[in-house]
PDB file of N, CA and C in Angstrom:
ATOM      1  N   MET A   1      48.635  61.333  12.055  1.00  0.00           N
ATOM      2  CA  MET A   1      48.782  60.983  11.006  1.00  0.00           C
ATOM      3  C   MET A   1      48.323  59.719  10.165  1.00  0.00           C
ATOM      4  N   PRO A   2      47.668  59.685   9.651  1.00  0.00           N
ATOM      5  CA  PRO A   2      46.767  58.558   8.929  1.00  0.00           C
ATOM      6  C   PRO A   2      47.622  57.292   8.723  1.00  0.00           C
ATOM      7  N   GLU A   3      47.439  55.979   8.835  1.00  0.00           N
ATOM      8  CA  GLU A   3      48.496  55.100   8.522  1.00  0.00           C
ATOM      9  C   GLU A   3      48.340  54.629   7.319  1.00  0.00           C
ATOM     10  N   ALA A   4      49.658  54.170   6.653  1.00  0.00           N
ATOM     11  CA  ALA A   4      49.820  53.734   5.262  1.00  0.00           C
ATOM     12  C   ALA A   4      49.074  52.341   4.931  1.00  0.00           C
ATOM     13  N   ARG A   5      48.127  52.655   4.216  1.00  0.00           N
ATOM     14  CA  ARG A   5      47.566  51.238   3.896  1.00  0.00           C
ATOM     15  C   ARG A   5      48.552  50.503   3.073  1.00  0.00           C
ATOM     16  N   THR A   6      48.196  49.015   2.781  1.00  0.00           N
ATOM     17  CA  THR A   6      48.811  48.398   2.435  1.00  0.00           C
ATOM     18  C   THR A   6      48.231  47.985   0.867  1.00  0.00           C
ATOM     19  N   PRO A   7      49.174  47.354  -0.315  1.00  0.00           N
ATOM     20  CA  PRO A   7      48.423  47.224  -1.423  1.00  0.00           C
ATOM     21  C   PRO A   7      47.153  46.229  -1.213  1.00  0.00           C
ATOM     22  N   ALA A   8      47.289  45.263  -0.119  1.00  0.00           N
ATOM     23  CA  ALA A   8      46.537  44.173  -0.172  1.00  0.00           C
ATOM     24  C   ALA A   8      44.990  45.054   0.246  1.00  0.00           C
ATOM     25  N   GLN A   9      44.942  46.097   1.143  1.00  0.00           N
ATOM     26  CA  GLN A   9      44.050  46.795   1.885  1.00  0.00           C
ATOM     27  C   GLN A   9      43.599  47.687   0.622  1.00  0.00           C
ATOM     28  N   ILE A  10      44.173  48.286  -0.359  1.00  0.00           N
ATOM     29  CA  ILE A  10      43.721  49.246  -1.295  1.00  0.00           C
ATOM     30  C   ILE A  10      43.056  48.256  -2.584  1.00  0.00           C
ATOM     31  N   GLU A  11      43.605  47.233  -2.694  1.00  0.00           N
ATOM     32  CA  GLU A  11      42.894  46.252  -3.600  1.00  0.00           C
ATOM     33  C   GLU A  11      41.348  45.599  -2.978  1.00  0.00           C
ATOM     34  N   ALA A  12      41.603  45.426  -1.870  1.00  0.00           N
ATOM     35  CA  ALA A  12      40.134  44.751  -1.054  1.00  0.00           C
ATOM     36  C   ALA A  12      39.216  46.059  -1.233  1.00  0.00           C
ATOM     37  N   ASP A  13      39.535  47.279  -0.898  1.00  0.00           N
ATOM     38  CA  ASP A  13      38.666  48.481  -1.065  1.00  0.00           C
ATOM     39  C   ASP A  13      38.132  48.533  -2.832  1.00  0.00           C
ATOM     40  N   ILE A  14      39.165  48.476  -3.368  1.00  0.00           N
ATOM     41  CA  ILE A  14      38.800  48.588  -5.194  1.00  0.00           C
ATOM     42  C   ILE A  14      37.645  47.511  -5.361  1.00  0.00           C
ATOM     43  N   VAL A  15      38.140  46.034  -4.897  1.00  0.00           N
ATOM     44  CA  VAL A  15      36.756  44.986  -4.952  1.00  0.00           C
ATOM     45  C   VAL A  15      35.549  45.347  -4.534  1.00  0.00           C
ATOM     46  N   ARG A  16      35.632  45.822  -3.271  1.00  0.00           N
ATOM     47  CA  ARG A  16      34.293  45.990  -2.713  1.00  0.00           C
ATOM     48  C   ARG A  16      33.672  47.195  -3.451  1.00  0.00           C
ATOM     49  N   ARG A  17      34.248  48.433  -3.617  1.00  0.00           N
ATOM     50  CA  ARG A  17      33.598  49.382  -4.386  1.00  0.00           C
ATOM     51  C   ARG A  17      33.241  48.808  -5.792  1.00  0.00           C
ATOM     52  N   ARG A  18      33.943  48.032  -6.522  1.00  0.00           N
ATOM     53  CA  ARG A  18      33.219  47.203  -7.746  1.00  0.00           C
ATOM     54  C   ARG A  18      31.934  46.701  -7.587  1.00  0.00           C
ATOM     55  N   GLU A  19      31.957  45.808  -6.450  1.00  0.00           N
ATOM     56  CA  GLU A  19      30.666  45.102  -6.289  1.00  0.00           C
ATOM     57  C   GLU A  19      29.649  46.043  -5.936  1.00  0.00           C
ATOM     58  N   GLN A  20      29.893  47.209  -4.880  1.00  0.00           N
ATOM     59  CA  GLN A  20      29.064  48.009  -4.926  1.00  0.00           C
ATOM     60  C   GLN A  20      28.390  48.862  -5.802  1.00  0.00           C
ATOM     61  N   LEU A  21      29.006  49.195  -6.830  1.00  0.00           N
ATOM     62  CA  LEU A  21      28.962  49.672  -8.225  1.00  0.00           C
ATOM     63  C   LEU A  21      28.211  48.977  -8.981  1.00  0.00           C
ATOM     64  N   ALA A  22      28.519  47.681  -9.316  1.00  0.00           N
ATOM     65  CA  ALA A  22      28.006  46.595  -9.944  1.00  0.00           C
ATOM     66  C   ALA A  22      26.433  46.196  -9.470  1.00  0.00           C
ATOM     67  N   GLU A  23      26.344  46.222  -7.875  1.00  0.00           N
ATOM     68  CA  GLU A  23      24.981  46.226  -7.413  1.00  0.00           C
ATOM     69  C   GLU A  23      24.083  47.540  -7.839  1.00  0.00           C
ATOM     70  N   THR A  24      24.563  48.601  -7.690  1.00  0.00           N
ATOM     71  CA  THR A  24      23.967  50.028  -8.167  1.00  0.00           C
ATOM     72  C   THR A  24      23.348  49.946  -9.537  1.00  0.00           C
ATOM     73  N   LEU A  25      24.735  49.514 -10.429  1.00  0.00           N
ATOM     74  CA  LEU A  25      24.157  49.686 -11.881  1.00  0.00           C
ATOM     75  C   LEU A  25      23.172  48.499 -12.150  1.00  0.00           C
ATOM     76  N   ASP A  26      22.972  47.348 -11.497  1.00  0.00           N
ATOM     77  CA  ASP A  26      22.024  46.536 -11.564  1.00  0.00           C
ATOM     78  C   ASP A  26      20.628  47.062 -11.105  1.00  0.00           C
ATOM     79  N   GLU A  27      20.827  47.508 -10.023  1.00  0.00           N
ATOM     80  CA  GLU A  27      19.348  48.120  -9.202  1.00  0.00           C
ATOM     81  C   GLU A  27      18.822  49.299 -10.301  1.00  0.00           C
ATOM     82  N   ILE A  28      19.902  50.028 -10.811  1.00  0.00           N
ATOM     83  CA  ILE A  28      19.188  51.103 -11.817  1.00  0.00           C
ATOM     84  C   ILE A  28      18.766  50.406 -13.224  1.00  0.00           C
ATOM     85  N   GLY A  29      19.318  49.264 -13.507  1.00  0.00           N
ATOM     86  CA  GLY A  29      18.616  48.660 -14.680  1.00  0.00           C
ATOM     87  C   GLY A  29      17.459  48.412 -14.401  1.00  0.00           C
ATOM     88  N   VAL A  30      17.160  47.606 -13.248  1.00  0.00           N
ATOM     89  CA  VAL A  30      15.937  46.870 -12.985  1.00  0.00           C
ATOM     90  C   VAL A  30      14.903  48.115 -12.885  1.00  0.00           C
ATOM     91  N   ARG A  31      15.184  49.186 -12.421  1.00  0.00           N
ATOM     92  CA  ARG A  31      14.152  50.428 -12.182  1.00  0.00           C
ATOM     93  C   ARG A  31      14.056  50.822 -13.527  1.00  0.00           C
ATOM     94  N   MET A  32      14.746  50.741 -14.633  1.00  0.00           N
ATOM     95  CA  MET A  32      14.815  51.768 -15.604  1.00  0.00           C
ATOM     96  C   MET A  32      14.065  50.755 -16.732  1.00  0.00           C
ATOM     97  N   HIS A  33      13.904  49.238 -16.456  1.00  0.00           N
ATOM     98  CA  HIS A  33      13.485  48.596 -17.441  1.00  0.00           C
ATOM     99  C   HIS A  33      12.193  48.659 -17.523  1.00  0.00           C
ATOM    100  N   PRO A  34      11.405  49.070 -19.084  1.00  0.00           N
ATOM    101  CA  PRO A  34      10.376  49.408 -19.254  1.00  0.00           C
ATOM    102  C   PRO A  34       8.985  48.247 -18.517  1.00  0.00           C
ATOM    103  N   LYS A  35       9.215  47.102 -18.469  1.00  0.00           N
ATOM    104  CA  LYS A  35       8.337  46.461 -17.712  1.00  0.00           C
ATOM    105  C   LYS A  35       7.931  47.003 -16.023  1.00  0.00           C
ATOM    106  N   THR A  36       9.406  47.236 -15.584  1.00  0.00           N
ATOM    107  CA  THR A  36       9.137  47.671 -14.347  1.00  0.00           C
ATOM    108  C   THR A  36       8.508  49.076 -14.020  1.00  0.00           C
ATOM    109  N   ILE A  37       9.025  49.887 -15.275  1.00  0.00           N
ATOM    110  CA  ILE A  37       8.350  51.149 -15.278  1.00  0.00           C
ATOM    111  C   ILE A  37       6.724  51.199 -15.354  1.00  0.00           C
ATOM    112  N   ILE A  38       6.240  50.228 -16.416  1.00  0.00           N
ATOM    113  CA  ILE A  38       4.691  49.985 -16.592  1.00  0.00           C
ATOM    114  C   ILE A  38       4.304  49.545 -15.287  1.00  0.00           C
ATOM    115  N   GLY A  39       5.027  48.557 -14.861  1.00  0.00           N
ATOM    116  CA  GLY A  39       4.153  47.931 -13.601  1.00  0.00           C
ATOM    117  C   GLY A  39       4.002  48.935 -12.555  1.00  0.00           C
ATOM    118  N   ASP A  40       5.256  49.797 -12.109  1.00  0.00           N
ATOM    119  CA  ASP A  40       4.967  50.795 -11.014  1.00  0.00           C
ATOM    120  C   ASP A  40       3.793  51.859 -11.558  1.00  0.00           C
ATOM    121  N   ALA A  41       3.504  52.155 -12.889  1.00  0.00           N
ATOM    122  CA  ALA A  41       2.510  53.074 -13.239  1.00  0.00           C
ATOM    123  C   ALA A  41       1.154  52.494 -12.942  1.00  0.00           C
ATOM    124  N   LYS A  42       0.911  51.020 -13.368  1.00  0.00           N
ATOM    125  CA  LYS A  42      -0.376  50.300 -13.128  1.00  0.00           C
ATOM    126  C   LYS A  42      -0.576  50.317 -11.600  1.00  0.00           C
ATOM    127  N   ALA A  43       0.453  50.360 -10.642  1.00  0.00           N
ATOM    128  CA  ALA A  43       0.261  49.969  -9.219  1.00  0.00           C
ATOM    129  C   ALA A  43      -0.140  51.258  -8.883  1.00  0.00           C
ATOM    130  N   ARG A  44       0.353  52.456  -9.380  1.00  0.00           N
ATOM    131  CA  ARG A  44       0.091  53.593  -8.617  1.00  0.00           C
ATOM    132  C   ARG A  44      -1.729  54.026  -9.149  1.00  0.00           C
ATOM    133  N   VAL A  45      -1.887  53.688 -10.572  1.00  0.00           N
ATOM    134  CA  VAL A  45      -3.416  53.879 -10.682  1.00  0.00           C
ATOM    135  C   VAL A  45      -4.316  53.273 -10.305  1.00  0.00           C
ATOM    136  N   THR A  46      -3.911  51.837  -9.961  1.00  0.00           N
ATOM    137  CA  THR A  46      -4.864  51.179  -9.261  1.00  0.00           C
ATOM    138  C   THR A  46      -5.026  51.567  -7.902  1.00  0.00           C
ATOM    139  N   SER A  47      -3.824  51.825  -7.208  1.00  0.00           N
ATOM    140  CA  SER A  47      -4.047  52.367  -6.053  1.00  0.00           C
ATOM    141  C   SER A  47      -4.865  53.667  -6.009  1.00  0.00           C
ATOM    142  N   ALA A  48      -4.751  54.721  -7.199  1.00  0.00           N
ATOM    143  CA  ALA A  48      -5.414  55.878  -6.863  1.00  0.00           C
ATOM    144  C   ALA A  48      -6.870  55.484  -6.958  1.00  0.00           C
ATOM    145  N   VAL A  49      -7.462  54.657  -8.200  1.00  0.00           N
ATOM    146  CA  VAL A  49      -8.675  54.020  -8.550  1.00  0.00           C
ATOM    147  C   VAL A  49      -9.480  53.591  -7.015  1.00  0.00           C
ATOM    148  N   ASP A  50      -8.436  52.718  -6.274  1.00  0.00           N
ATOM    149  CA  ASP A  50      -8.994  52.077  -5.154  1.00  0.00           C
ATOM    150  C   ASP A  50      -9.363  52.837  -4.011  1.00  0.00           C
ATOM    151  N   HIS A  51      -8.513  54.130  -4.053  1.00  0.00           N
ATOM    152  CA  HIS A  51      -8.546  55.116  -2.724  1.00  0.00           C
ATOM    153  C   HIS A  51      -9.833  55.810  -3.476  1.00  0.00           C
ATOM    154  N   THR A  52     -10.098  56.026  -4.388  1.00  0.00           N
ATOM    155  CA  THR A  52     -11.490  57.113  -5.178  1.00  0.00           C
ATOM    156  C   THR A  52     -12.454  56.092  -4.870  1.00  0.00           C
ATOM    157  N   ALA A  53     -12.595  55.025  -5.058  1.00  0.00           N
ATOM    158  CA  ALA A  53     -13.770  54.135  -5.078  1.00  0.00           C
ATOM    159  C   ALA A  53     -13.994  53.758  -3.438  1.00  0.00           C
ATOM    160  N   GLY A  54     -13.087  53.755  -2.842  1.00  0.00           N
ATOM    161  CA  GLY A  54     -13.357  53.667  -1.476  1.00  0.00           C
ATOM    162  C   GLY A  54     -13.919  55.057  -0.721  1.00  0.00           C
ATOM    163  N   ARG A  55     -13.348  56.243  -1.452  1.00  0.00           N
ATOM    164  CA  ARG A  55     -13.993  57.347  -0.910  1.00  0.00           C
ATOM    165  C   ARG A  55     -15.572  57.377  -1.344  1.00  0.00           C
ATOM    166  N   ALA A  56     -15.711  57.178  -2.586  1.00  0.00           N
ATOM    167  CA  ALA A  56     -17.297  56.962  -3.079  1.00  0.00           C
ATOM    168  C   ALA A  56     -18.048  56.039  -2.152  1.00  0.00           C
ATOM    169  N   VAL A  57     -17.583  55.004  -1.982  1.00  0.00           N
ATOM    170  CA  VAL A  57     -18.236  53.844  -1.224  1.00  0.00           C
ATOM    171  C   VAL A  57     -18.748  54.654   0.166  1.00  0.00           C
ATOM    172  N   VAL A  58     -17.666  55.406   0.898  1.00  0.00           N
ATOM    173  CA  VAL A  58     -17.976  55.835   2.157  1.00  0.00           C
ATOM    174  C   VAL A  58     -18.961  56.799   1.956  1.00  0.00           C
ATOM    175  N   ALA A  59     -18.540  57.879   0.982  1.00  0.00           N
ATOM    176  CA  ALA A  59     -20.148  58.911   1.046  1.00  0.00           C
ATOM    177  C   ALA A  59     -21.188  58.199   0.817  1.00  0.00           C
ATOM    178  N   VAL A  60     -21.270  57.440  -0.430  1.00  0.00           N
ATOM    179  CA  VAL A  60     -22.749  56.802  -0.386  1.00  0.00           C
ATOM    180  C   VAL A  60     -23.331  56.195   1.003  1.00  0.00           C
ATOM    181  N   ASN A  61     -22.337  55.270   1.556  1.00  0.00           N
ATOM    182  CA  ASN A  61     -22.974  55.049   2.906  1.00  0.00           C
ATOM    183  C   ASN A  61     -23.466  55.880   3.697  1.00  0.00           C
ATOM    184  N   ARG A  62     -22.778  57.366   3.872  1.00  0.00           N
ATOM    185  CA  ARG A  62     -23.082  58.339   4.708  1.00  0.00           C
ATOM    186  C   ARG A  62     -24.350  58.714   4.133  1.00  0.00           C
ATOM    187  N   LEU A  63     -24.387  59.037   2.730  1.00  0.00           N
ATOM    188  CA  LEU A  63     -25.664  59.446   2.337  1.00  0.00           C
ATOM    189  C   LEU A  63     -26.934  58.961   2.499  1.00  0.00           C
ATOM    190  N   VAL A  64     -26.796  57.204   2.379  1.00  0.00           N
ATOM    191  CA  VAL A  64     -27.614  56.307   2.640  1.00  0.00           C
ATOM    192  C   VAL A  64     -28.220  56.535   4.081  1.00  0.00           C
ATOM    193  N   THR A  65     -27.406  56.734   5.175  1.00  0.00           N
ATOM    194  CA  THR A  65     -27.443  56.621   6.528  1.00  0.00           C
ATOM    195  C   THR A  65     -28.287  58.054   6.800  1.00  0.00           C
ATOM    196  N   ASP A  66     -27.719  59.090   6.197  1.00  0.00           N
ATOM    197  CA  ASP A  66     -28.691  60.504   6.321  1.00  0.00           C
ATOM    198  C   ASP A  66     -29.815  60.118   5.951  1.00  0.00           C
ATOM    199  N   VAL A  67     -30.188  59.932   4.749  1.00  0.00           N
ATOM    200  CA  VAL A  67     -31.465  59.671   4.404  1.00  0.00           C
ATOM    201  C   VAL A  67     -32.495  58.881   5.193  1.00  0.00           C
ATOM    202  N   LYS A  68     -31.863  57.860   5.553  1.00  0.00           N
ATOM    203  CA  LYS A  68     -32.361  56.875   6.522  1.00  0.00           C
ATOM    204  C   LYS A  68     -32.808  57.296   7.712  1.00  0.00           C
ATOM    205  N   ASP A  69     -32.137  58.068   8.282  1.00  0.00           N
ATOM    206  CA  ASP A  69     -32.208  59.024   9.683  1.00  0.00           C
ATOM    207  C   ASP A  69     -33.101  59.780   9.475  1.00  0.00           C
ATOM    208  N   GLY A  70     -33.169  60.427   8.527  1.00  0.00           N
ATOM    209  CA  GLY A  70     -34.367  61.543   8.060  1.00  0.00           C
ATOM    210  C   GLY A  70     -35.668  60.946   7.757  1.00  0.00           C
ATOM    211  N   LEU A  71     -35.672  59.908   7.333  1.00  0.00           N
ATOM    212  CA  LEU A  71     -37.015  59.348   6.973  1.00  0.00           C
ATOM    213  C   LEU A  71     -37.453  58.155   8.057  1.00  0.00           C
ATOM    214  N   CYS A  72     -36.835  57.872   8.688  1.00  0.00           N
ATOM    215  CA  CYS A  72     -36.986  56.925  10.116  1.00  0.00           C
ATOM    216  C   CYS A  72     -36.850  57.412  11.128  1.00  0.00           C
ATOM    217  N   HIS A  73     -37.766  57.016  12.152  1.00  0.00           N
ATOM    218  CA  HIS A  73     -37.454  57.161  13.513  1.00  0.00           C
ATOM    219  C   HIS A  73     -36.355  56.452  14.376  1.00  0.00           C
ATOM    220  N   GLU A  74     -35.688  56.451  15.454  1.00  0.00           N
ATOM    221  CA  GLU A  74     -34.604  55.957  16.016  1.00  0.00           C
ATOM    222  C   GLU A  74     -35.005  54.231  16.137  1.00  0.00           C
ATOM    223  N   ASP A  75     -36.189  54.197  16.338  1.00  0.00           N
ATOM    224  CA  ASP A  75     -36.783  52.636  16.528  1.00  0.00           C
ATOM    225  C   ASP A  75     -36.903  51.782  15.270  1.00  0.00           C
ATOM    226  N   GLY A  76     -36.781  52.727  14.027  1.00  0.00           N
ATOM    227  CA  GLY A  76     -36.930  52.283  12.405  1.00  0.00           C
ATOM    228  C   GLY A  76     -38.335  52.505  12.252  1.00  0.00           C
ATOM    229  N   ALA A  77     -39.073  52.686  12.641  1.00  0.00           N
ATOM    230  CA  ALA A  77     -40.470  53.202  12.426  1.00  0.00           C
ATOM    231  C   ALA A  77     -40.337  54.341  11.088  1.00  0.00           C
ATOM    232  N   PRO A  78     -40.969  54.209  10.165  1.00  0.00           N
ATOM    233  CA  PRO A  78     -41.132  55.320   9.007  1.00  0.00           C
ATOM    234  C   PRO A  78     -42.015  56.412   9.604  1.00  0.00           C
ATOM    235  N   ARG A  79     -41.207  57.802   9.062  1.00  0.00           N
ATOM    236  CA  ARG A  79     -41.616  59.110   9.362  1.00  0.00           C
ATOM    237  C   ARG A  79     -42.825  59.406   8.281  1.00  0.00           C
ATOM    238  N   VAL A  80     -43.936  59.107   8.339  1.00  0.00           N
ATOM    239  CA  VAL A  80     -44.794  59.288   7.315  1.00  0.00           C
ATOM    240  C   VAL A  80     -44.873  60.878   6.749  1.00  0.00           C
ATOM    241  N   GLU A  81     -44.654  61.767   7.711  1.00  0.00           N
ATOM    242  CA  GLU A  81     -44.768  63.148   7.689  1.00  0.00           C
ATOM    243  C   GLU A  81     -43.581  63.302   6.565  1.00  0.00           C
ATOM    244  N   ARG A  82     -42.598  62.827   6.445  1.00  0.00           N
ATOM    245  CA  ARG A  82     -41.645  63.184   5.714  1.00  0.00           C
ATOM    246  C   ARG A  82     -41.490  62.157   4.304  1.00  0.00           C
ATOM    247  N   ILE A  83     -41.821  60.724   4.465  1.00  0.00           N
ATOM    248  CA  ILE A  83     -41.943  60.159   3.285  1.00  0.00           C
ATOM    249  C   ILE A  83     -42.859  60.524   2.330  1.00  0.00           C
ATOM    250  N   VAL A  84     -44.154  61.096   2.678  1.00  0.00           N
ATOM    251  CA  VAL A  84     -45.047  61.438   1.705  1.00  0.00           C
ATOM    252  C   VAL A  84     -44.678  62.523   0.892  1.00  0.00           C
ATOM    253  N   PRO A  85     -44.279  63.753   1.317  1.00  0.00           N
ATOM    254  CA  PRO A  85     -43.672  64.718   0.495  1.00  0.00           C
ATOM    255  C   PRO A  85     -42.627  64.206  -0.489  1.00  0.00           C
ATOM    256  N   VAL A  86     -41.662  63.233  -0.009  1.00  0.00           N
ATOM    257  CA  VAL A  86     -40.658  62.796  -1.184  1.00  0.00           C
ATOM    258  C   VAL A  86     -41.173  61.972  -1.914  1.00  0.00           C
ATOM    259  N   ALA A  87     -42.320  61.098  -1.833  1.00  0.00           N
ATOM    260  CA  ALA A  87     -42.781  60.090  -2.593  1.00  0.00           C
ATOM    261  C   ALA A  87     -43.612  61.124  -3.840  1.00  0.00           C
ATOM    262  N   LEU A  88     -44.346  61.996  -3.363  1.00  0.00           N
ATOM    263  CA  LEU A  88     -45.031  62.994  -4.382  1.00  0.00           C
ATOM    264  C   LEU A  88     -44.089  63.506  -5.180  1.00  0.00           C
ATOM    265  N   PHE A  89     -42.759  64.292  -4.476  1.00  0.00           N
ATOM    266  CA  PHE A  89     -41.986  64.925  -5.427  1.00  0.00           C
ATOM    267  C   PHE A  89     -41.582  63.836  -6.720  1.00  0.00           C
ATOM    268  N   ALA A  90     -41.006  62.489  -5.984  1.00  0.00           N
ATOM    269  CA  ALA A  90     -40.159  61.537  -6.981  1.00  0.00           C
ATOM    270  C   ALA A  90     -41.549  61.269  -7.848  1.00  0.00           C
ATOM    271  N   ALA A  91     -43.068  60.942  -7.540  1.00  0.00           N
ATOM    272  CA  ALA A  91     -43.880  60.748  -8.723  1.00  0.00           C
ATOM    273  C   ALA A  91     -44.194  62.079  -9.425  1.00  0.00           C
ATOM    274  N   GLY A  92     -43.686  63.319  -9.085  1.00  0.00           N
ATOM    275  CA  GLY A  92     -43.805  64.229  -9.943  1.00  0.00           C
ATOM    276  C   GLY A  92     -42.909  64.294 -11.159  1.00  0.00           C
ATOM    277  N   VAL A  93     -41.456  64.355 -10.747  1.00  0.00           N
ATOM    278  CA  VAL A  93     -40.674  64.016 -11.595  1.00  0.00           C
ATOM    279  C   VAL A  93     -40.359  63.030 -12.406  1.00  0.00           C
ATOM    280  N   LEU A  94     -41.092  61.755 -11.996  1.00  0.00           N
ATOM    281  CA  LEU A  94     -41.188  60.791 -12.965  1.00  0.00           C
ATOM    282  C   LEU A  94     -42.294  61.083 -13.982  1.00  0.00           C
ATOM    283  N   GLY A  95     -43.472  61.737 -13.642  1.00  0.00           N
ATOM    284  CA  GLY A  95     -44.269  62.288 -14.619  1.00  0.00           C
ATOM    285  C   GLY A  95     -43.888  62.923 -15.590  1.00  0.00           C
ATOM    286  N   LEU A  96     -42.996  64.042 -14.949  1.00  0.00           N
ATOM    287  CA  LEU A  96     -42.433  65.131 -16.154  1.00  0.00           C
ATOM    288  C   LEU A  96     -41.430  64.335 -17.021  1.00  0.00           C
ATOM    289  N   LEU A  97     -40.585  63.426 -16.787  1.00  0.00           N
ATOM    290  CA  LEU A  97     -39.978  62.521 -17.377  1.00  0.00           C
ATOM    291  C   LEU A  97     -40.873  61.747 -18.444  1.00  0.00           C
ATOM    292  N   VAL A  98     -42.055  61.241 -18.231  1.00  0.00           N
ATOM    293  CA  VAL A  98     -42.756  60.268 -19.083  1.00  0.00           C
ATOM    294  C   VAL A  98     -43.436  61.241 -20.405  1.00  0.00           C
ATOM    295  N   LEU A  99     -43.823  62.409 -19.800  1.00  0.00           N
ATOM    296  CA  LEU A  99     -44.276  63.520 -20.659  1.00  0.00           C
ATOM    297  C   LEU A  99     -43.274  64.036 -21.669  1.00  0.00           C
ATOM    298  N   SER A 100     -42.171  64.155 -20.782  1.00  0.00           N
ATOM    299  CA  SER A 100     -41.005  64.864 -21.990  1.00  0.00           C
ATOM    300  C   SER A 100     -40.885  63.386 -22.986  1.00  0.00           C
ATOM    301  N   VAL A 101     -40.907  62.397 -22.544  1.00  0.00           N
ATOM    302  CA  VAL A 101     -40.387  61.285 -23.507  1.00  0.00           C
ATOM    303  C   VAL A 101     -41.577  61.167 -24.659  1.00  0.00           C
ATOM    304  N   ARG A 102     -43.015  61.203 -24.256  1.00  0.00           N
ATOM    305  CA  ARG A 102     -43.842  61.449 -25.068  1.00  0.00           C
ATOM    306  C   ARG A 102     -43.816  62.253 -26.048  1.00  0.00           C
ATOM    307  N   ARG A 103     -43.447  63.538 -25.779  1.00  0.00           N
ATOM    308  CA  ARG A 103     -43.713  64.670 -26.811  1.00  0.00           C
ATOM    309  C   ARG A 103     -42.471  64.393 -27.471  1.00  0.00           C
ATOM    310  N   LYS A 104     -41.185  64.010 -27.308  1.00  0.00           N
ATOM    311  CA  LYS A 104     -40.271  63.892 -28.236  1.00  0.00           C
ATOM    312  C   LYS A 104     -40.690  62.710 -29.341  1.00  0.00           C
ATOM    313  N   ARG A 105     -41.649  61.901 -29.146  1.00  0.00           N
ATOM    314  CA  ARG A 105     -42.154  60.875 -30.230  1.00  0.00           C
ATOM    315  C   ARG A 105     -43.145  61.315 -30.971  1.00  0.00           C
TER     316      ARG A 105
END
């Protein structure tokens, strides 16, 4: 059988629960404040942008490394047999762009 609580114990419980409720309400007030909501949204957007930018940097670094590995030997010497066709292709694309710009004028 549970022990009977004294009025002082009951009053102490009520005071403790009021304090807990006040803390909870204060926390809800802070969380629901427009500045807090905006700050949280900004933090999420910033995090998403940082994450996306980081992934883009990694992808670009990987691409540059792959291209370099394809155009250079392990010792760093250029692979002429691969560079010449790439340069000719780039010159052709540039020539076509110049011609298309001249035709528009």
